[in-house]
N, C-alpha and C. Protein backbone atom coordinates (compact mmCIF):
# COMPACT_ATOMS: atom_id res chain seq x y z
N UNK A 1 -70.90 -157.25 67.24
CA UNK A 1 -70.74 -158.61 66.77
C UNK A 1 -69.66 -159.34 67.57
N UNK A 2 -68.80 -158.63 68.26
CA UNK A 2 -67.74 -159.27 69.03
C UNK A 2 -68.32 -160.19 70.11
N UNK A 3 -69.43 -159.82 70.71
CA UNK A 3 -70.05 -160.67 71.73
C UNK A 3 -70.47 -162.01 71.14
N UNK A 4 -71.09 -161.98 69.97
CA UNK A 4 -71.56 -163.22 69.37
C UNK A 4 -70.39 -164.10 68.93
N UNK A 5 -69.30 -163.49 68.49
CA UNK A 5 -68.11 -164.27 68.14
C UNK A 5 -67.55 -164.94 69.39
N UNK A 6 -67.50 -164.19 70.50
CA UNK A 6 -67.01 -164.74 71.78
C UNK A 6 -67.92 -165.88 72.24
N UNK A 7 -69.23 -165.66 72.16
CA UNK A 7 -70.19 -166.68 72.58
C UNK A 7 -70.05 -167.94 71.75
N UNK A 8 -69.95 -167.79 70.45
CA UNK A 8 -69.81 -168.95 69.57
C UNK A 8 -68.50 -169.69 69.84
N UNK A 9 -67.43 -168.96 69.99
CA UNK A 9 -66.13 -169.57 70.23
C UNK A 9 -66.12 -170.37 71.53
N UNK A 10 -66.63 -169.76 72.60
CA UNK A 10 -66.67 -170.45 73.90
C UNK A 10 -67.60 -171.65 73.86
N UNK A 11 -68.77 -171.48 73.27
CA UNK A 11 -69.72 -172.60 73.25
C UNK A 11 -69.16 -173.77 72.44
N UNK A 12 -68.52 -173.50 71.29
CA UNK A 12 -67.91 -174.57 70.50
C UNK A 12 -66.83 -175.28 71.31
N UNK A 13 -65.98 -174.51 71.97
CA UNK A 13 -64.87 -175.08 72.74
C UNK A 13 -65.37 -176.00 73.85
N UNK A 14 -66.29 -175.51 74.65
CA UNK A 14 -66.75 -176.29 75.80
C UNK A 14 -67.70 -177.41 75.42
N UNK A 15 -68.44 -177.26 74.33
CA UNK A 15 -69.26 -178.38 73.85
C UNK A 15 -68.36 -179.49 73.32
N UNK A 16 -67.23 -179.13 72.71
CA UNK A 16 -66.28 -180.14 72.25
C UNK A 16 -65.67 -180.88 73.44
N UNK A 17 -65.30 -180.17 74.48
CA UNK A 17 -64.76 -180.81 75.68
C UNK A 17 -65.79 -181.75 76.29
N UNK A 18 -67.05 -181.31 76.33
CA UNK A 18 -68.12 -182.17 76.87
C UNK A 18 -68.31 -183.41 76.02
N UNK A 19 -68.22 -183.27 74.70
CA UNK A 19 -68.33 -184.43 73.82
C UNK A 19 -67.17 -185.40 74.07
N UNK A 20 -65.96 -184.87 74.26
CA UNK A 20 -64.82 -185.73 74.58
C UNK A 20 -65.05 -186.47 75.89
N UNK A 21 -65.60 -185.78 76.87
CA UNK A 21 -65.87 -186.42 78.16
C UNK A 21 -66.87 -187.56 78.01
N UNK A 22 -67.95 -187.31 77.25
CA UNK A 22 -68.97 -188.35 77.06
C UNK A 22 -68.42 -189.55 76.29
N UNK A 23 -67.61 -189.30 75.26
CA UNK A 23 -67.00 -190.39 74.51
C UNK A 23 -66.04 -191.19 75.39
N UNK A 24 -65.24 -190.50 76.19
CA UNK A 24 -64.30 -191.19 77.08
C UNK A 24 -65.06 -192.05 78.08
N UNK A 25 -66.15 -191.54 78.60
CA UNK A 25 -66.96 -192.29 79.56
C UNK A 25 -67.56 -193.53 78.88
N UNK A 26 -68.03 -193.37 77.66
CA UNK A 26 -68.66 -194.48 76.94
C UNK A 26 -67.64 -195.55 76.57
N UNK A 27 -66.44 -195.13 76.14
CA UNK A 27 -65.45 -196.06 75.64
C UNK A 27 -64.42 -196.49 76.68
N UNK A 28 -64.48 -195.96 77.88
CA UNK A 28 -63.54 -196.32 78.92
C UNK A 28 -62.16 -195.71 78.74
N UNK A 29 -62.08 -194.61 78.03
CA UNK A 29 -60.80 -193.93 77.80
C UNK A 29 -60.60 -192.85 78.86
N UNK A 30 -59.39 -192.32 78.96
CA UNK A 30 -59.16 -191.23 79.91
C UNK A 30 -59.96 -189.98 79.52
N UNK A 31 -60.61 -189.39 80.48
CA UNK A 31 -61.44 -188.20 80.24
C UNK A 31 -60.59 -186.94 80.32
N UNK A 32 -61.09 -185.84 79.73
CA UNK A 32 -60.39 -184.55 79.90
C UNK A 32 -60.35 -184.18 81.39
N UNK A 33 -59.45 -183.30 81.72
CA UNK A 33 -59.33 -182.90 83.13
C UNK A 33 -60.63 -182.26 83.61
N UNK A 34 -60.92 -182.34 84.90
CA UNK A 34 -62.14 -181.73 85.42
C UNK A 34 -62.08 -180.20 85.32
N UNK A 35 -63.24 -179.55 85.29
CA UNK A 35 -63.25 -178.09 85.17
C UNK A 35 -62.62 -177.43 86.39
N UNK A 36 -61.90 -176.33 86.11
CA UNK A 36 -61.30 -175.53 87.18
C UNK A 36 -61.78 -174.10 87.03
N UNK A 37 -62.19 -173.51 88.09
CA UNK A 37 -62.61 -172.11 88.07
C UNK A 37 -64.08 -171.96 87.69
N UNK A 38 -64.61 -170.81 88.01
CA UNK A 38 -66.04 -170.54 87.80
C UNK A 38 -66.43 -170.57 86.33
N UNK A 39 -65.56 -170.05 85.47
CA UNK A 39 -65.87 -170.01 84.04
C UNK A 39 -66.04 -171.42 83.48
N UNK A 40 -65.09 -172.30 83.73
CA UNK A 40 -65.17 -173.66 83.21
C UNK A 40 -66.32 -174.44 83.85
N UNK A 41 -66.54 -174.22 85.13
CA UNK A 41 -67.66 -174.90 85.79
C UNK A 41 -68.98 -174.49 85.16
N UNK A 42 -69.16 -173.20 84.89
CA UNK A 42 -70.40 -172.75 84.26
C UNK A 42 -70.58 -173.41 82.89
N UNK A 43 -69.54 -173.32 82.04
CA UNK A 43 -69.68 -173.83 80.67
C UNK A 43 -69.87 -175.35 80.64
N UNK A 44 -69.17 -176.08 81.52
CA UNK A 44 -69.22 -177.54 81.46
C UNK A 44 -70.31 -178.16 82.33
N UNK A 45 -70.69 -177.50 83.39
CA UNK A 45 -71.70 -178.08 84.30
C UNK A 45 -73.08 -177.47 84.12
N UNK A 46 -73.18 -176.29 83.50
CA UNK A 46 -74.48 -175.64 83.30
C UNK A 46 -74.81 -175.55 81.81
N UNK A 47 -73.95 -174.87 81.05
CA UNK A 47 -74.26 -174.61 79.63
C UNK A 47 -74.36 -175.90 78.81
N UNK A 48 -73.34 -176.76 78.87
CA UNK A 48 -73.31 -177.96 78.02
C UNK A 48 -74.50 -178.89 78.30
N UNK A 49 -74.85 -179.18 79.57
CA UNK A 49 -76.01 -180.04 79.80
C UNK A 49 -77.33 -179.40 79.35
N UNK A 50 -77.49 -178.10 79.59
CA UNK A 50 -78.72 -177.43 79.17
C UNK A 50 -78.81 -177.43 77.65
N UNK A 51 -77.70 -177.14 76.98
CA UNK A 51 -77.69 -177.13 75.52
C UNK A 51 -78.07 -178.50 74.96
N UNK A 52 -77.56 -179.56 75.56
CA UNK A 52 -77.86 -180.89 75.05
C UNK A 52 -79.32 -181.29 75.27
N UNK A 53 -79.99 -180.65 76.23
CA UNK A 53 -81.40 -180.95 76.48
C UNK A 53 -82.35 -180.19 75.55
N UNK A 54 -81.86 -179.11 74.94
CA UNK A 54 -82.72 -178.32 74.06
C UNK A 54 -83.02 -179.09 72.78
N UNK A 55 -84.27 -179.07 72.33
CA UNK A 55 -84.58 -179.73 71.06
C UNK A 55 -83.94 -178.97 69.89
N UNK A 56 -83.68 -179.69 68.79
CA UNK A 56 -83.01 -179.09 67.65
C UNK A 56 -83.72 -177.84 67.12
N UNK A 57 -85.05 -177.80 66.98
CA UNK A 57 -85.67 -176.58 66.46
C UNK A 57 -85.35 -175.33 67.29
N UNK A 58 -85.24 -175.47 68.59
CA UNK A 58 -84.92 -174.33 69.45
C UNK A 58 -83.47 -173.90 69.20
N UNK A 59 -82.54 -174.86 69.17
CA UNK A 59 -81.13 -174.53 68.91
C UNK A 59 -80.98 -173.86 67.55
N UNK A 60 -81.65 -174.41 66.56
CA UNK A 60 -81.54 -173.88 65.21
C UNK A 60 -82.07 -172.44 65.13
N UNK A 61 -83.18 -172.18 65.79
CA UNK A 61 -83.75 -170.83 65.79
C UNK A 61 -82.80 -169.83 66.44
N UNK A 62 -82.19 -170.22 67.55
CA UNK A 62 -81.26 -169.33 68.23
C UNK A 62 -80.04 -169.06 67.35
N UNK A 63 -79.50 -170.11 66.72
CA UNK A 63 -78.33 -169.91 65.87
C UNK A 63 -78.64 -169.02 64.67
N UNK A 64 -79.81 -169.18 64.09
CA UNK A 64 -80.17 -168.34 62.95
C UNK A 64 -80.38 -166.89 63.35
N UNK A 65 -80.80 -166.65 64.59
CA UNK A 65 -81.04 -165.28 65.05
C UNK A 65 -79.74 -164.53 65.34
N UNK A 66 -78.65 -165.26 65.61
CA UNK A 66 -77.38 -164.63 65.93
C UNK A 66 -76.60 -164.34 64.66
N UNK A 67 -75.97 -163.17 64.57
CA UNK A 67 -75.11 -162.91 63.41
C UNK A 67 -73.86 -163.78 63.48
N UNK A 68 -73.31 -164.10 62.33
CA UNK A 68 -72.07 -164.88 62.32
C UNK A 68 -71.94 -165.71 61.07
N UNK A 69 -70.88 -166.48 61.04
CA UNK A 69 -70.55 -167.25 59.84
C UNK A 69 -71.55 -168.34 59.54
N UNK A 70 -72.27 -168.83 60.55
CA UNK A 70 -73.23 -169.90 60.32
C UNK A 70 -74.42 -169.44 59.49
N UNK A 71 -74.55 -168.13 59.26
CA UNK A 71 -75.65 -167.62 58.44
C UNK A 71 -75.24 -167.43 56.99
N UNK A 72 -73.98 -167.60 56.68
CA UNK A 72 -73.53 -167.44 55.30
C UNK A 72 -74.01 -168.62 54.47
N UNK A 73 -74.38 -168.33 53.24
CA UNK A 73 -74.84 -169.39 52.36
C UNK A 73 -73.85 -169.57 51.22
N UNK A 74 -73.94 -170.68 50.56
CA UNK A 74 -73.08 -170.96 49.42
C UNK A 74 -73.46 -170.04 48.28
N UNK A 75 -72.47 -169.67 47.49
CA UNK A 75 -72.72 -168.87 46.30
C UNK A 75 -73.40 -169.77 45.26
N UNK A 76 -74.28 -169.20 44.45
CA UNK A 76 -74.92 -170.02 43.43
C UNK A 76 -73.89 -170.47 42.40
N UNK A 77 -74.11 -171.62 41.76
CA UNK A 77 -73.14 -172.08 40.77
C UNK A 77 -73.10 -171.14 39.57
N UNK A 78 -71.97 -171.08 38.89
CA UNK A 78 -71.90 -170.19 37.72
C UNK A 78 -72.81 -170.69 36.61
N UNK A 79 -73.26 -169.78 35.79
CA UNK A 79 -74.14 -170.15 34.66
C UNK A 79 -73.33 -170.90 33.61
N UNK A 80 -73.93 -171.91 33.06
CA UNK A 80 -73.26 -172.68 32.02
C UNK A 80 -73.23 -171.89 30.72
N UNK A 81 -72.11 -171.96 30.00
CA UNK A 81 -71.97 -171.20 28.76
C UNK A 81 -71.62 -172.13 27.59
N UNK A 82 -72.27 -173.22 27.49
CA UNK A 82 -71.99 -174.16 26.41
C UNK A 82 -71.19 -175.34 26.89
N UNK A 83 -70.71 -176.16 25.98
CA UNK A 83 -69.97 -177.36 26.37
C UNK A 83 -68.64 -177.01 27.03
N UNK A 84 -68.19 -177.89 27.93
CA UNK A 84 -66.94 -177.67 28.65
C UNK A 84 -65.73 -178.02 27.78
N UNK A 85 -65.95 -178.76 26.73
CA UNK A 85 -64.82 -179.20 25.89
C UNK A 85 -64.84 -178.44 24.58
């Protein structure tokens, strides 16, 4: 499960940076610094654009197939035992 935690952490981080870049470009604000090194170039120039092109059903299917916190569901509400007062 450590691989999936690493993958989720990196993808969240670099997708957030990409979102900041797009917002800065749209609003005329200063953009985040450009990517440095092979790791950042891959995540920001390859992964983020490909991820944004995938349709939601494909993304959703992949996320559901991976183990992790995104698969946890809410606990059912407690059973009512009469009036609250």
